[in-house]
Protein backbone atom coordinates (compact mmCIF):
# COMPACT_ATOMS: atom_id res chain seq x y z
CA MET A 1 0.23 0.15 0.08
CA GLN A 2 1.43 3.57 -0.83
CA MET A 3 0.99 6.50 0.72
CA THR A 4 0.11 9.41 -0.97
CA MET A 5 -0.64 12.96 0.61
CA ASN A 6 -3.37 15.39 -0.87
CA PRO A 7 -2.49 18.88 -1.58
CA LYS A 8 -3.87 20.46 1.34
CA GLN A 9 -1.97 17.89 3.66
CA VAL A 10 0.88 18.92 6.11
CA GLU A 11 3.20 16.38 7.48
CA VAL A 12 3.77 17.33 10.86
CA ARG A 13 7.25 15.76 12.25
CA ILE A 14 7.64 15.01 16.03
CA GLY A 15 11.53 14.78 17.29
CA ILE A 16 12.43 12.74 20.06
CA ALA A 17 11.22 13.56 23.45
CA GLU A 18 8.62 15.78 21.73
CA TYR A 19 4.64 15.39 21.46
CA LYS A 20 2.66 17.75 18.92
CA ILE A 21 -0.99 17.99 18.31
CA SER A 22 -2.74 17.96 14.65
CA GLN A 23 -6.00 17.66 12.88
CA ALA A 24 -6.64 15.90 9.50
CA PRO A 25 -6.28 16.29 6.44
CA ASN A 26 -2.50 16.44 8.14
CA GLN A 27 -0.26 13.24 8.94
CA LEU A 28 2.10 12.86 11.87
CA LEU A 29 5.36 11.40 11.61
CA THR A 30 8.62 10.42 13.84
CA VAL A 31 11.32 8.83 13.43
CA GLY A 32 14.31 6.86 15.55
CA LEU A 33 11.82 4.52 17.54
CA GLY A 34 14.26 2.21 18.78
CA SER A 35 13.57 1.80 22.58
CA CYS A 36 11.63 4.77 22.84
CA ILE A 37 7.69 4.59 22.08
CA GLY A 38 5.32 6.46 19.42
CA THR A 39 1.77 6.94 21.44
CA ILE A 40 -0.99 8.25 18.98
CA ILE A 41 -4.19 9.62 20.65
CA TYR A 42 -6.77 10.41 18.57
CA ASP A 43 -10.41 11.35 18.53
CA GLU A 44 -12.91 9.98 15.54
CA GLN A 45 -15.22 12.70 15.89
CA THR A 46 -12.93 16.00 15.51
CA LYS A 47 -10.50 13.73 13.79
CA ILE A 48 -7.45 15.74 15.91
CA GLY A 49 -4.50 13.50 17.17
CA GLY A 50 -1.28 13.95 19.33
CA LEU A 51 1.61 11.93 18.89
CA SER A 52 4.22 11.80 21.51
CA HIS A 53 7.71 10.33 21.07
CA VAL A 54 8.81 9.21 24.79
CA MET A 55 12.55 8.47 25.80
CA LEU A 56 12.24 7.54 29.01
CA PRO A 57 9.76 5.21 31.43
CA ASP A 58 9.29 7.44 34.69
CA SER A 59 10.52 10.97 35.50
CA LYS A 60 10.80 10.60 39.55
CA PRO A 61 14.71 9.26 39.30
CA PHE A 62 15.44 12.80 37.34
CA ALA A 63 13.30 15.37 39.06
CA SER A 64 16.00 17.53 41.28
CA ARG A 65 17.58 18.24 37.91
CA PRO A 66 17.01 21.39 36.18
CA GLY A 67 15.51 22.03 33.19
CA LEU A 68 13.31 18.91 33.07
CA ASN A 69 11.75 17.82 29.36
CA PRO A 70 8.70 16.42 30.58
CA ALA A 71 7.79 15.34 27.10
CA LYS A 72 10.95 12.89 27.72
CA PHE A 73 8.93 10.84 30.00
CA ALA A 74 5.80 8.45 29.39
CA ASP A 75 4.38 9.38 33.06
CA LEU A 76 4.68 13.46 32.47
CA ALA A 77 4.42 13.41 28.24
CA LEU A 78 0.95 11.90 27.87
CA PRO A 79 -1.31 13.44 30.33
CA LEU A 80 0.45 16.69 29.39
CA MET A 81 -0.57 15.94 25.66
CA VAL A 82 -4.12 14.71 26.89
CA ALA A 83 -4.58 17.66 28.79
CA GLU A 84 -3.76 20.03 25.76
CA MET A 85 -6.29 17.97 23.14
CA ASN A 86 -8.98 18.32 26.07
CA LYS A 87 -8.81 22.21 25.41
CA LYS A 88 -9.50 21.62 21.69
CA ILE A 89 -12.10 18.94 21.81
CA PRO A 90 -15.40 19.63 23.67
CA HIS A 91 -16.43 16.04 24.52
CA PRO A 92 -13.47 13.20 23.55
CA HIS A 93 -13.29 10.21 23.15
CA PHE A 94 -9.70 8.97 22.82
CA LYS A 95 -8.13 6.06 21.92
CA ALA A 96 -4.59 5.34 21.33
CA LYS A 97 -1.92 3.42 19.35
CA ILE A 98 1.41 2.45 20.48
CA VAL A 99 4.84 1.63 18.50
CA GLY A 100 8.38 1.48 19.55
CA GLY A 101 10.06 -0.23 22.56
CA ALA A 102 12.73 -1.94 20.61
CA ASN A 103 15.25 -3.82 22.71
CA MET A 104 18.00 -1.81 20.71
CA PHE A 105 20.98 -3.19 23.06
CA ASN A 106 20.17 -7.08 23.45
CA PHE A 107 21.51 -7.63 27.03
CA LYS A 108 22.32 -10.92 27.98
CA THR A 109 19.72 -11.25 30.56
CA SER A 110 15.93 -12.68 31.09
CA SER A 111 15.18 -9.21 33.18
CA THR A 112 12.95 -6.58 31.95
CA SER A 113 14.88 -3.83 34.32
CA GLN A 114 17.70 -3.98 31.79
CA ASN A 115 15.26 -3.41 29.04
CA ILE A 116 14.52 0.25 28.54
CA GLY A 117 12.03 -0.67 25.27
CA ALA A 118 10.08 -3.21 27.74
CA ARG A 119 10.16 -0.88 30.62
CA ASN A 120 8.95 2.79 28.46
CA SER A 121 6.21 -0.28 27.06
CA ALA A 122 4.86 -0.94 30.35
CA ALA A 123 4.76 2.71 31.15
CA VAL A 124 3.10 4.31 28.67
CA LYS A 125 0.41 1.28 28.81
CA ALA A 126 0.18 1.69 32.58
CA THR A 127 -0.20 5.72 31.67
CA LEU A 128 -2.98 5.51 28.91
CA GLN A 129 -4.80 2.87 31.61
CA LYS A 130 -4.57 5.99 34.43
CA LEU A 131 -5.97 8.30 31.64
CA LYS A 132 -8.72 5.67 30.70
CA ILE A 133 -7.53 5.90 27.00
CA PRO A 134 -7.90 2.68 25.27
CA LEU A 135 -4.97 0.97 23.53
CA VAL A 136 -6.75 -0.45 20.69
CA ALA A 137 -3.21 -1.50 18.79
CA SER A 138 0.47 -1.72 18.96
CA HIS A 139 3.45 -2.96 17.62
CA VAL A 140 6.22 -2.96 19.81
CA GLY A 141 9.31 -5.38 20.85
CA GLY A 142 11.66 -6.33 18.46
CA ASN A 143 15.25 -5.13 18.02
CA SER A 144 14.76 -2.88 15.08
CA GLY A 145 14.37 0.74 14.81
CA GLN A 146 11.00 2.32 13.49
CA THR A 147 9.21 5.21 11.90
CA MET A 148 5.83 5.71 12.33
CA VAL A 149 2.96 7.46 10.41
CA VAL A 150 -0.17 8.49 11.61
CA ASP A 151 -3.04 9.17 8.75
CA LEU A 152 -5.64 11.85 11.06
CA ASN A 153 -8.32 11.26 8.58
CA THR A 154 -8.35 7.22 9.01
CA PHE A 155 -6.48 6.89 12.00
CA GLN A 156 -4.35 4.42 10.12
CA VAL A 157 -0.73 3.82 11.32
CA THR A 158 1.73 2.78 9.02
CA VAL A 159 5.10 1.30 10.78
CA LYS A 160 8.56 1.21 8.67
CA ILE A 161 10.55 -1.17 10.19
CA VAL A 162 14.66 -1.11 9.58
CA HIS A 163 15.38 -3.79 6.91
CA GLN A 164 11.81 -5.62 7.48
CA LYS A 165 8.14 -5.17 6.27
CA THR A 166 5.98 -2.65 6.59
CA VAL A 167 3.37 -2.92 9.13
CA TYR A 168 -0.28 -1.31 9.21
CA LEU A 169 -2.13 -0.67 12.61
């Protein structure tokens, strides 16, 4: 399946430790999802979506550091993004999809404590649960980098995996 953009469609790029909110007909795109998690939160009625690219699961170990970027952490970025979206949408009915959480470093351990990708995935899922946002699809794990493209017209997520096939959620 080939993705084509209509002339009025804008591709909104989200960097690492950022989130952005946009509306159809735009697309949201983030690259470099290794152990990071890309989370799209979407309202079907308004076709408004927010895409977050978090690096770490929990901000608490870094709380005393000055200049903390909340968009870097699952426990801070998602609630902030949802609060911002709530200002734009009168009666939201959010749902979410997530991509990433790979084990990029192949530690020789069965413990997930060394696997930041698995910890990120668990933290995003827990945060979505706290926010009462259903997770309707995910493509997490593995050991390859991924690019995530979200069509805000349809809520289709295209996952381009390095040296592998493309997946559609």
